[in-house]
Structure formats: C-alpha cells, structure tokens
Amino acid sequence: MADITRRLGWRHLRGAPTAHVRHHRSGKLAHDGPGLSFWFRSLSAALSEVPVDDRELAMTFHARTVDFQDVTVQATVTYRVSDPAVAAARLDFSIDPDTGIWRGAPLEQLGTLLTETAQQHALDVLARTSLSSALVDGVTAVRERVAAGLAAEPRLPATGIEIVAVRVVALRPEPEVERALRTPAREQIQQEADRATYERRAVAVERERTIAENELASQIELARREEQLVEQRGTNSRREAEENAAADKVRAEAEATRSVRLAEAEATRSVKLAEAEAERQVRLADAEARRTERLSQAEAARTVRLARAEAEAAREVGEARAQAQAAWLRVHGDVEVATLHALTGTRLAENLPHIDSVTISPDVLTGLLSRLGAGERE
C-alpha cells in the first residue's frame, strides 16, 4: 500500500519498490513505474497501484476419480504481474488518493481466476484416473497438467499475469477410504511382526535355557567360593582380634604414661600459678597500703587547709560586719529622732507581710494628727 501524506491541499505519494504506480492527471499518464515518489492534487489525479512481486496462492479443492472416489487436492500457485499497465486496464487496481487503499479487491479476483483455472485442469486429469493410480502418481500428473493448463490459458497473458511455479502439496482420499487402503498393508506388517515375535520368543526360550544352565553353574561356583570366603573370614577375624589386643595394650600403656606426664605438668603449673598469685597479692597489698597512706595524708592536709580557710573567712566576715555596724551606728547617731522613726517605719513596712486593708481608730488618728501639728509648729 502506498504511503500518502497531505501538505496544504497537495498530496505526496511514496511507493514501494515492489509496487508499480500509475498516475493519470486529467486523463493523461503523468507517472508510471515502481518505487515512485511525487506530488499530486487529489481532485485531478487517478492512481492505481499494481504489485509486481511474486505472490503465493494456496488452494484446496475436492475432485472425483474414475471409480467415483472423492479426493482432496492441496496445491500452491506462485504468480506475478508481468505487465502492470495491462493488469491495471483489465482489473481495478485504483487506490484512494487520500488513504492509498485499494477501492476494489483485485487480488481476490486474481485468486479466484487462478483457483478456478487450476481446479478445472486438476478435475479433468483426476476424472480419468483411478484412486490407486491417483494416490501413486497423481501428485506429479496433477502438477504437470495444472502447470500446462495455466501456461496455455489465454486470459492470464491478456491480464498481464505470469505463472512462476505450480506445486501440489498433497492428494488425500476420504478418511474412511484411506483407512481401508491402509488395512492390507497393516495386516501384512502385522503378520511380519507376529512372525518376528514368534521367532524372537523361540530364541528367547533357547537363551533362557542357556542362561539357566549358566546360572546353575555360577551358583555352584559361588557356593564353593563362599565356603572359601567363610574360612578366610574366620582366619582374618582371629588375626584382627590378636592385632587389636596388641594395639589396645600399646594404647593403654601410652595413655597411662601420657596421663602421668600430664598430671606432673599440671601439678607443676599449679604450684607456679599459686606462687605467682601469692606474689601478686603481696604486691597488690603493698601498693594498696601505700595508696591508702598517701590518700590519708592528702585528706589530712586538705582538711587543715579547709579549716584554716574557713577560719580566715569567718574572721574577715566578722570584721566586715563589725565595721558595717559601726559605720551604721555612726551614720544614725547624727540623725534626728523623727528621721530614725521614719526609717524604722520604712524598714518595718518592707518586712511586713501583704496587708489587704487597714482600719484606723479615731483615737489613733487623733494622736497622729496631734503629733503632726506639733511637728509643724516646731
């Protein structure tokens, strides 16, 4: 199928190498050939695309032999379009200028033409052939007759069609007839198989007898050798027991010697470990005593220094307090009594707890006012 694209009202066709494209513009042939690529206008263009590659057409049809037996013929015809111009004139190979798809079904028309023509020649040759001859030589006869008939068919060259090859794949009768034809051969094969089976059984019986005799002789020989084997096994067992006893004795002596040596080595190692542990404990005790003595001396020195520092600090604090008290007394010694009373009230107010409300009686208020008046007159 040709590849057609659109560009601003124009169409561009790009064909394949195996497709012969014919382009008529206003009734005149503008382009003609395989693998073309050109621009055209769809309203004034008439396009046709004819495939020129080899094509396979498989066909299956039924035929009847001279003895009225139905057979199935499977064949393949290889053809190609040798004259695309003639084929485009005889068959509708026109394509849509917008999509490039065939408007008709030209390949189906070619397939129908070739199938009916080949079937006609195959039926003609099989109608004069018996079923047995058709099954033996029918494939070659049908292939030659169909090839000759298609080559002599005048309509194919007139349509531009060339037959490349004809192949007949199979020629089969009906399943029941095929089974019936296979029966004699099967019976003969079965008879041959039965005869071979009987002969094989006779040979097998003779061989079994020979095998039985050989087995009996083998059993006798095996019994004799088994007796020898039992005697040899007894001798070997006694010798093995004696060797095992000697080996056990040697192992026991070696084990005792090794145990004594291990005990001595373990005792020596334990003594050395005890001495080393005692010496280590002594060194640790000495080191601990020296460390305790040093700690005691350091703690005593630290306690003395702390006591001296505390005494010095207490003395300095006492002197500072005495000086502050003396200075306070000197300051307040020159102040008037009313001022001292005011300072006393202020200090008292600072140290009193929070008071929500105060109730003053007339007697207290009278005394305060009298004192206030006396103070103002002075």
Protein backbone atom coordinates (compact mmCIF):
# COMPACT_ATOMS: atom_id res chain seq x y z
CA MET A 1 0.00 0.00 0.00
CA ALA A 2 1.33 3.44 -1.00
CA ASP A 3 2.17 5.99 1.70
CA ILE A 4 0.20 9.22 1.06
CA THR A 5 0.64 12.41 3.13
CA ARG A 6 -1.10 15.80 2.97
CA ARG A 7 0.54 19.22 2.67
CA LEU A 8 -1.52 22.43 2.10
CA GLY A 9 -4.03 20.92 -0.34
CA TRP A 10 -1.43 18.78 -2.08
CA ARG A 11 -0.84 15.05 -1.67
CA HIS A 12 2.51 13.29 -1.71
CA LEU A 13 2.72 9.63 -2.73
CA ARG A 14 5.65 7.41 -1.84
CA GLY A 15 5.51 3.94 -3.37
CA ALA A 16 7.33 0.70 -2.58
CA PRO A 17 9.94 -0.92 -4.87
CA THR A 18 7.58 -3.90 -5.36
CA ALA A 19 4.56 -1.75 -6.31
CA HIS A 20 4.03 -0.33 -9.80
CA VAL A 21 2.22 3.05 -9.59
CA ARG A 22 0.38 4.68 -12.50
CA HIS A 23 -0.67 8.33 -12.16
CA HIS A 24 -3.12 9.88 -14.64
CA ARG A 25 -3.70 13.63 -14.46
CA SER A 26 -6.67 14.94 -16.41
CA GLY A 27 -6.74 11.73 -18.47
CA LYS A 28 -3.01 11.76 -19.31
CA LEU A 29 -0.35 9.48 -17.89
CA ALA A 30 1.92 11.58 -15.67
CA HIS A 31 3.89 8.97 -13.71
CA ASP A 32 4.38 5.28 -14.39
CA GLY A 33 6.79 2.88 -12.66
CA PRO A 34 7.72 1.09 -9.40
CA GLY A 35 9.03 2.90 -6.30
CA LEU A 36 7.87 6.37 -7.43
CA SER A 37 7.56 9.45 -5.23
CA PHE A 38 5.71 12.57 -6.44
CA TRP A 39 3.24 15.34 -5.53
CA PHE A 40 -0.30 15.46 -6.96
CA ARG A 41 -3.72 17.01 -6.45
CA SER A 42 -6.42 14.59 -5.41
CA LEU A 43 -9.22 16.22 -7.44
CA SER A 44 -7.43 15.81 -10.79
CA ALA A 45 -5.47 12.58 -10.14
CA ALA A 46 -6.34 8.96 -10.91
CA LEU A 47 -3.98 6.49 -9.17
CA SER A 48 -3.51 2.74 -9.49
CA GLU A 49 -1.04 0.51 -7.67
CA VAL A 50 -0.14 -2.91 -9.08
CA PRO A 51 2.07 -5.28 -7.01
CA VAL A 52 4.88 -6.74 -9.12
CA ASP A 53 6.43 -9.11 -6.53
CA ASP A 54 5.95 -12.89 -6.53
CA ARG A 55 2.82 -13.95 -4.66
CA GLU A 56 1.77 -17.32 -3.28
CA LEU A 57 -1.81 -18.53 -3.74
CA ALA A 58 -2.74 -21.60 -1.65
CA MET A 59 -5.79 -23.54 -2.80
CA THR A 60 -7.68 -26.61 -1.58
CA PHE A 61 -10.46 -28.27 -3.57
CA HIS A 62 -12.19 -31.65 -3.97
CA ALA A 63 -12.14 -33.88 -7.07
CA ARG A 64 -13.63 -37.26 -8.06
CA THR A 65 -11.71 -40.13 -9.61
CA VAL A 66 -12.87 -42.52 -12.33
CA ASP A 67 -14.04 -45.00 -9.66
CA PHE A 68 -16.16 -42.27 -8.02
CA GLN A 69 -13.92 -41.70 -5.02
CA ASP A 70 -13.58 -38.21 -3.54
CA VAL A 71 -10.04 -36.86 -3.10
CA THR A 72 -8.77 -33.58 -1.65
CA VAL A 73 -6.13 -31.66 -3.58
CA GLN A 74 -3.83 -29.16 -1.84
CA ALA A 75 -1.79 -27.00 -4.21
CA THR A 76 0.09 -23.69 -4.32
CA VAL A 77 0.48 -21.42 -7.34
CA THR A 78 3.21 -18.76 -7.47
CA TYR A 79 2.45 -15.86 -9.83
CA ARG A 80 3.38 -12.26 -10.51
CA VAL A 81 2.11 -9.35 -12.58
CA SER A 82 4.42 -9.12 -15.61
CA ASP A 83 2.59 -6.27 -17.37
CA PRO A 84 1.28 -3.74 -14.80
CA ALA A 85 -0.25 -1.50 -17.49
CA VAL A 86 -2.37 -4.34 -18.88
CA ALA A 87 -3.30 -5.56 -15.43
CA ALA A 88 -4.36 -2.04 -14.35
CA ALA A 89 -6.50 -1.80 -17.51
CA ARG A 90 -8.17 -5.22 -17.03
CA LEU A 91 -8.60 -5.19 -13.22
CA ASP A 92 -9.48 -2.45 -10.76
CA PHE A 93 -6.16 -1.61 -9.07
CA SER A 94 -7.18 2.01 -8.39
CA ILE A 95 -6.37 3.42 -4.93
CA ASP A 96 -7.94 6.18 -2.88
CA PRO A 97 -5.92 9.43 -3.29
CA ASP A 98 -6.34 10.24 0.40
CA THR A 99 -5.61 6.89 2.06
CA GLY A 100 -3.76 4.84 -0.58
CA ILE A 101 -6.09 1.85 -0.07
CA TRP A 102 -7.45 -0.15 -2.99
CA ARG A 103 -11.01 0.74 -3.80
CA GLY A 104 -11.75 -2.77 -5.04
CA ALA A 105 -10.38 -6.28 -4.39
CA PRO A 106 -8.10 -7.03 -7.39
CA LEU A 107 -6.05 -9.69 -5.64
CA GLU A 108 -9.19 -11.62 -4.75
CA GLN A 109 -10.25 -11.51 -8.41
CA LEU A 110 -6.82 -12.85 -9.43
CA GLY A 111 -7.03 -15.56 -6.78
CA THR A 112 -10.49 -16.63 -7.98
CA LEU A 113 -9.31 -16.72 -11.60
CA LEU A 114 -6.21 -18.82 -10.85
CA THR A 115 -8.03 -21.16 -8.43
CA GLU A 116 -10.87 -21.93 -10.84
CA THR A 117 -8.47 -22.42 -13.77
CA ALA A 118 -6.19 -24.77 -11.80
CA GLN A 119 -9.19 -26.64 -10.38
CA GLN A 120 -10.61 -27.16 -13.85
CA HIS A 121 -7.43 -28.85 -15.12
CA ALA A 122 -6.99 -30.90 -11.93
CA LEU A 123 -10.57 -32.18 -12.12
CA ASP A 124 -10.07 -33.08 -15.78
CA VAL A 125 -6.99 -35.24 -15.11
CA LEU A 126 -8.39 -36.90 -11.95
CA ALA A 127 -11.69 -37.76 -13.61
CA ARG A 128 -9.81 -40.19 -15.90
CA THR A 129 -7.60 -41.67 -13.15
CA SER A 130 -8.41 -44.41 -10.65
CA LEU A 131 -7.96 -43.81 -6.93
CA SER A 132 -4.96 -46.11 -6.57
CA SER A 133 -3.20 -44.51 -9.57
CA ALA A 134 -4.04 -41.05 -8.27
CA LEU A 135 -2.54 -41.85 -4.88
CA VAL A 136 0.63 -43.25 -6.50
CA ASP A 137 1.26 -40.87 -9.42
CA GLY A 138 -1.49 -38.30 -9.01
CA VAL A 139 0.65 -35.54 -7.48
CA THR A 140 3.02 -35.42 -10.45
CA ALA A 141 0.23 -35.77 -13.02
CA VAL A 142 -1.91 -33.05 -11.43
CA ARG A 143 1.08 -30.68 -11.09
CA GLU A 144 2.12 -31.11 -14.73
CA ARG A 145 -1.45 -30.78 -16.01
CA VAL A 146 -2.17 -27.66 -13.91
CA ALA A 147 1.13 -26.04 -14.94
CA ALA A 148 0.47 -26.75 -18.61
CA GLY A 149 -3.11 -25.57 -18.36
CA LEU A 150 -2.19 -22.29 -16.67
CA ALA A 151 0.60 -21.69 -19.20
CA ALA A 152 -1.85 -22.26 -22.07
CA GLU A 153 -4.65 -20.18 -20.56
CA PRO A 154 -5.05 -17.13 -22.87
CA ARG A 155 -6.71 -14.94 -20.30
CA LEU A 156 -3.68 -14.82 -18.00
CA PRO A 157 -1.30 -13.12 -20.52
CA ALA A 158 -4.17 -10.89 -21.57
CA THR A 159 -4.47 -9.80 -17.95
CA GLY A 160 -0.71 -9.34 -17.55
CA ILE A 161 -0.28 -12.38 -15.25
CA GLU A 162 2.73 -14.73 -15.42
CA ILE A 163 2.80 -18.13 -13.68
CA VAL A 164 6.10 -18.68 -11.88
CA ALA A 165 5.60 -22.14 -10.34
CA VAL A 166 2.96 -24.75 -9.50
CA ARG A 167 3.25 -27.08 -6.50
CA VAL A 168 0.87 -29.86 -5.47
CA VAL A 169 1.36 -30.40 -1.77
CA ALA A 170 -0.93 -33.39 -1.12
CA LEU A 171 -3.64 -35.55 -2.64
CA ARG A 172 -5.69 -37.35 0.01
CA PRO A 173 -8.80 -39.59 -0.15
CA GLU A 174 -11.58 -39.56 2.43
CA PRO A 175 -10.58 -40.75 5.91
CA GLU A 176 -12.65 -43.99 5.70
CA VAL A 177 -11.21 -44.88 2.30
CA GLU A 178 -7.70 -44.04 3.49
CA ARG A 179 -8.10 -46.38 6.48
CA ALA A 180 -9.45 -49.12 4.19
CA LEU A 181 -6.50 -48.74 1.83
CA ARG A 182 -4.09 -48.93 4.74
CA THR A 183 -5.65 -52.18 6.05
CA PRO A 184 -3.87 -54.69 3.71
CA ALA A 185 -0.51 -53.11 4.35
CA ARG A 186 -1.22 -53.06 8.06
CA GLU A 187 -2.21 -56.73 8.02
CA GLN A 188 0.95 -57.68 6.17
CA ILE A 189 3.04 -55.63 8.54
CA GLN A 190 1.21 -57.25 11.47
CA GLN A 191 1.90 -60.74 10.08
CA GLU A 192 5.56 -59.89 9.69
CA ALA A 193 5.56 -58.54 13.21
CA ASP A 194 3.86 -61.73 14.57
CA ARG A 195 6.36 -63.97 12.78
CA ALA A 196 9.20 -61.89 14.15
CA THR A 197 7.61 -62.15 17.60
CA TYR A 198 7.39 -65.95 17.42
CA GLU A 199 10.98 -66.23 16.24
CA ARG A 200 12.05 -63.85 18.95
CA ARG A 201 10.21 -65.91 21.57
CA ALA A 202 11.88 -69.16 20.36
CA VAL A 203 15.27 -67.53 20.51
CA ALA A 204 14.37 -66.13 23.93
CA VAL A 205 13.42 -69.61 25.23
CA GLU A 206 16.69 -71.07 23.99
CA ARG A 207 18.57 -68.20 25.53
CA GLU A 208 16.69 -68.58 28.81
CA ARG A 209 17.70 -72.29 28.94
CA THR A 210 21.31 -71.38 28.34
CA ILE A 211 21.05 -68.64 30.93
CA ALA A 212 19.54 -71.07 33.47
CA GLU A 213 22.41 -73.53 32.94
CA ASN A 214 24.92 -70.75 33.29
CA GLU A 215 23.18 -69.54 36.45
CA LEU A 216 23.29 -73.06 37.96
CA ALA A 217 26.98 -73.39 37.21
CA SER A 218 27.52 -69.91 38.61
CA GLN A 219 25.66 -70.80 41.81
CA ILE A 220 27.81 -73.92 42.30
CA GLU A 221 30.95 -71.90 41.80
CA LEU A 222 29.63 -69.19 44.11
CA ALA A 223 28.86 -71.75 46.85
CA ARG A 224 32.41 -73.12 46.63
CA ARG A 225 33.92 -69.67 46.76
CA GLU A 226 31.59 -68.68 49.61
CA GLU A 227 32.95 -71.63 51.65
CA GLN A 228 36.48 -70.44 50.99
CA LEU A 229 35.39 -66.94 51.87
CA VAL A 230 33.95 -68.07 55.24
CA GLU A 231 37.23 -69.83 56.11
CA GLN A 232 39.25 -66.80 55.09
CA ARG A 233 36.95 -64.51 57.08
CA GLY A 234 37.48 -66.68 60.23
CA THR A 235 41.24 -66.51 59.80
CA ASN A 236 41.07 -62.78 59.22
CA SER A 237 38.85 -62.28 62.30
CA ARG A 238 41.25 -64.17 64.58
CA ARG A 239 44.22 -62.25 63.21
CA GLU A 240 42.33 -58.97 63.56
CA ALA A 241 41.42 -59.81 67.21
CA GLU A 242 45.06 -60.57 68.07
CA GLU A 243 46.24 -57.36 66.40
CA ASN A 244 43.51 -55.35 68.15
CA ALA A 245 44.52 -56.78 71.55
CA ALA A 246 48.16 -55.89 70.97
CA ALA A 247 47.17 -52.43 69.79
CA ASP A 248 44.92 -51.93 72.85
CA LYS A 249 47.77 -52.89 75.16
CA VAL A 250 50.13 -50.42 73.49
CA ARG A 251 47.46 -47.69 73.61
CA ALA A 252 46.78 -48.37 77.32
CA GLU A 253 50.46 -48.09 78.21
CA ALA A 254 50.84 -44.93 76.14
CA GLU A 255 47.72 -43.47 77.71
CA ALA A 256 48.95 -44.22 81.25
CA THR A 257 52.34 -42.63 80.51
CA ARG A 258 50.66 -39.61 78.98
CA SER A 259 48.29 -39.27 81.99
CA VAL A 260 51.23 -39.36 84.45
CA ARG A 261 53.10 -36.75 82.46
CA LEU A 262 50.03 -34.58 82.21
CA ALA A 263 49.43 -34.86 85.99
CA GLU A 264 53.01 -33.89 86.75
CA ALA A 265 52.88 -30.98 84.33
CA GLU A 266 49.54 -29.86 85.77
CA ALA A 267 50.90 -30.02 89.35
CA THR A 268 54.00 -28.02 88.36
CA ARG A 269 51.85 -25.47 86.58
CA SER A 270 49.50 -25.21 89.62
CA VAL A 271 52.44 -24.60 92.00
CA LYS A 272 53.87 -21.93 89.74
CA LEU A 273 50.46 -20.30 89.39
CA ALA A 274 49.95 -20.34 93.20
CA GLU A 275 53.37 -18.77 93.80
CA ALA A 276 52.75 -16.13 91.15
CA GLU A 277 49.30 -15.40 92.59
CA ALA A 278 50.72 -15.07 96.15
CA GLU A 279 53.44 -12.75 94.94
CA ARG A 280 50.87 -10.71 93.02
CA GLN A 281 48.63 -10.47 96.11
CA VAL A 282 51.57 -9.26 98.22
CA ARG A 283 52.45 -6.60 95.62
CA LEU A 284 48.81 -5.55 95.45
CA ALA A 285 48.57 -5.29 99.28
CA ASP A 286 51.73 -3.17 99.43
CA ALA A 287 50.51 -0.92 96.67
CA GLU A 288 47.10 -0.60 98.35
CA ALA A 289 48.72 0.30 101.71
CA ARG A 290 50.91 2.93 100.10
CA ARG A 291 47.95 4.34 98.22
CA THR A 292 45.81 4.43 101.41
CA GLU A 293 48.61 6.18 103.33
CA ARG A 294 49.04 8.78 100.60
CA LEU A 295 45.29 9.35 100.45
CA SER A 296 45.13 9.77 104.25
CA GLN A 297 47.96 12.30 104.24
CA ALA A 298 46.39 14.21 101.34
CA GLU A 299 42.99 14.19 103.09
CA ALA A 300 44.50 15.45 106.37
CA ALA A 301 46.35 18.25 104.59
CA ARG A 302 43.19 19.18 102.70
CA THR A 303 41.15 19.22 105.95
CA VAL A 304 43.72 21.51 107.66
CA ARG A 305 43.75 23.87 104.68
CA LEU A 306 39.93 23.95 104.59
CA ALA A 307 39.75 24.67 108.36
CA ARG A 308 42.25 27.48 108.07
CA ALA A 309 40.45 28.94 105.08
CA GLU A 310 37.07 28.77 106.87
CA ALA A 311 38.53 30.42 109.99
CA GLU A 312 40.12 33.17 107.94
CA ALA A 313 36.85 33.69 106.04
CA ALA A 314 34.85 33.79 109.29
CA ARG A 315 37.27 36.32 110.79
CA GLU A 316 37.11 38.53 107.72
CA VAL A 317 33.30 38.32 107.61
CA GLY A 318 33.10 39.21 111.34
CA GLU A 319 35.41 42.19 110.90
CA ALA A 320 33.38 43.37 107.86
CA ARG A 321 30.14 43.05 109.82
CA ALA A 322 31.60 44.93 112.78
CA GLN A 323 32.85 47.71 110.56
CA ALA A 324 29.49 47.91 108.79
CA GLN A 325 27.65 48.01 112.15
CA ALA A 326 29.97 50.71 113.45
CA ALA A 327 29.54 52.74 110.30
CA TRP A 328 25.77 52.33 110.53
CA LEU A 329 25.76 53.47 114.11
CA ARG A 330 27.95 56.49 113.29
CA VAL A 331 25.62 57.47 110.45
CA HIS A 332 22.44 57.16 112.51
CA GLY A 333 23.97 58.78 115.59
CA ASP A 334 23.86 62.23 113.98
CA VAL A 335 20.35 61.85 112.52
CA GLU A 336 17.23 63.32 114.18
CA VAL A 337 14.76 61.13 116.05
CA ALA A 338 11.93 61.73 113.55
CA THR A 339 14.13 60.61 110.71
CA LEU A 340 15.03 57.47 112.61
CA HIS A 341 11.35 56.83 113.27
CA ALA A 342 10.66 57.22 109.53
CA LEU A 343 13.49 54.84 108.60
CA THR A 344 12.25 52.40 111.20
CA GLY A 345 8.72 52.54 109.76
CA THR A 346 10.08 52.08 106.23
CA ARG A 347 12.17 49.07 107.26
CA LEU A 348 9.18 47.69 109.17
CA ALA A 349 6.93 48.15 106.13
CA GLU A 350 9.43 46.31 103.93
CA ASN A 351 9.45 43.32 106.25
CA LEU A 352 5.69 43.18 106.96
CA PRO A 353 3.52 40.63 105.09
CA HIS A 354 0.95 41.72 102.46
CA ILE A 355 -1.98 43.69 104.05
CA ASP A 356 -5.24 43.98 102.07
CA SER A 357 -6.88 46.66 104.30
CA VAL A 358 -6.01 48.79 107.39
CA THR A 359 -8.52 50.03 109.99
CA ILE A 360 -7.52 53.18 111.88
CA SER A 361 -9.50 54.03 115.05
CA PRO A 362 -10.35 57.64 115.96
CA ASP A 363 -8.01 57.53 118.95
CA VAL A 364 -5.01 56.58 116.87
CA LEU A 365 -5.88 59.12 114.18
CA THR A 366 -6.25 61.89 116.79
CA GLY A 367 -2.86 61.14 118.31
CA LEU A 368 -1.16 61.08 114.91
CA LEU A 369 -2.73 64.37 113.86
CA SER A 370 -1.66 65.96 117.17
CA ARG A 371 1.89 64.88 116.70
CA LEU A 372 1.87 66.07 113.10
CA GLY A 373 0.62 69.51 114.19
CA ALA A 374 3.21 69.74 116.90
CA GLY A 375 5.92 68.87 114.48
CA GLU A 376 4.84 71.56 112.01
CA ARG A 377 4.84 74.26 114.73
CA GLU A 378 8.34 73.34 115.69
